Amino acid sequence: MCGDCCTLTEGGAKTWAICLDCDRKKGRSLSHAWGSFGTFLIGILVVLAAAVGIMAWLSAH
């Protein structure tokens, strides 16, 4: 991407270049992406905890 076709992101550990169309759609901040990633990780932990709980319940019976 050339400098005329992109803008720089804000709010991340690194600065990324994104296209102007994404910038017009308010895609300049990475906070939503990090929030989605955190929710994804928490979802995995909940599923694993449920699996461990079910296995513990089945082994007790």
Protein backbone atom coordinates (compact mmCIF):
# COMPACT_ATOMS: atom_id res chain seq x y z
CA MET A 1 0.00 0.00 0.00
CA CYS A 2 1.27 3.43 -0.79
CA GLY A 3 1.04 6.34 1.63
CA ASP A 4 -1.73 7.93 -0.45
CA CYS A 5 -3.95 4.82 -0.22
CA CYS A 6 -3.75 4.08 3.51
CA THR A 7 -4.07 5.45 7.01
CA LEU A 8 -2.48 4.28 10.27
CA THR A 9 -4.32 2.44 13.06
CA GLU A 10 -4.53 3.44 16.71
CA GLY A 11 -4.78 1.53 19.98
CA GLY A 12 -2.62 -1.50 19.32
CA ALA A 13 0.85 -2.64 20.26
CA LYS A 14 1.92 -2.00 16.67
CA THR A 15 0.79 0.54 14.14
CA TRP A 16 -0.79 -1.00 11.04
CA ALA A 17 -1.68 0.56 7.71
CA ILE A 18 -5.29 0.07 6.63
CA CYS A 19 -7.06 1.11 3.44
CA LEU A 20 -9.03 4.34 3.31
CA ASP A 21 -12.32 2.45 2.79
CA CYS A 22 -11.85 0.63 6.12
CA ASP A 23 -10.97 3.93 7.76
CA ARG A 24 -14.25 5.44 6.51
CA LYS A 25 -16.08 2.50 8.13
CA LYS A 26 -14.47 3.42 11.48
CA GLY A 27 -12.00 0.53 11.27
CA ARG A 28 -9.11 2.65 12.45
CA SER A 29 -9.14 1.44 16.05
CA LEU A 30 -8.12 -2.12 16.93
CA SER A 31 -10.02 -2.16 20.24
CA HIS A 32 -12.97 -4.08 18.74
CA ALA A 33 -10.61 -6.72 17.33
CA TRP A 34 -8.89 -7.16 20.68
CA GLY A 35 -12.27 -7.38 22.44
CA SER A 36 -13.43 -10.07 20.02
CA PHE A 37 -10.22 -12.01 20.55
CA GLY A 38 -10.62 -11.82 24.35
CA THR A 39 -14.21 -13.02 24.09
CA PHE A 40 -13.06 -15.91 21.90
CA LEU A 41 -10.44 -16.94 24.48
CA ILE A 42 -12.93 -16.72 27.35
CA GLY A 43 -15.36 -18.86 25.33
CA ILE A 44 -12.70 -21.55 24.93
CA LEU A 45 -12.01 -21.51 28.67
CA VAL A 46 -15.73 -21.84 29.48
CA VAL A 47 -16.07 -24.83 27.13
CA LEU A 48 -13.00 -26.51 28.65
CA ALA A 49 -14.29 -25.89 32.19
CA ALA A 50 -17.65 -27.39 31.25
CA ALA A 51 -15.95 -30.45 29.74
CA VAL A 52 -13.88 -30.95 32.90
CA GLY A 53 -17.00 -30.55 35.05
CA ILE A 54 -18.94 -33.10 33.00
CA MET A 55 -16.06 -35.58 33.15
CA ALA A 56 -15.76 -35.11 36.93
CA TRP A 57 -19.50 -35.62 37.35
CA LEU A 58 -19.44 -38.78 35.18
CA SER A 59 -16.49 -40.26 37.04
CA ALA A 60 -18.22 -39.68 40.40
CA HIS A 61 -21.24 -41.73 39.34
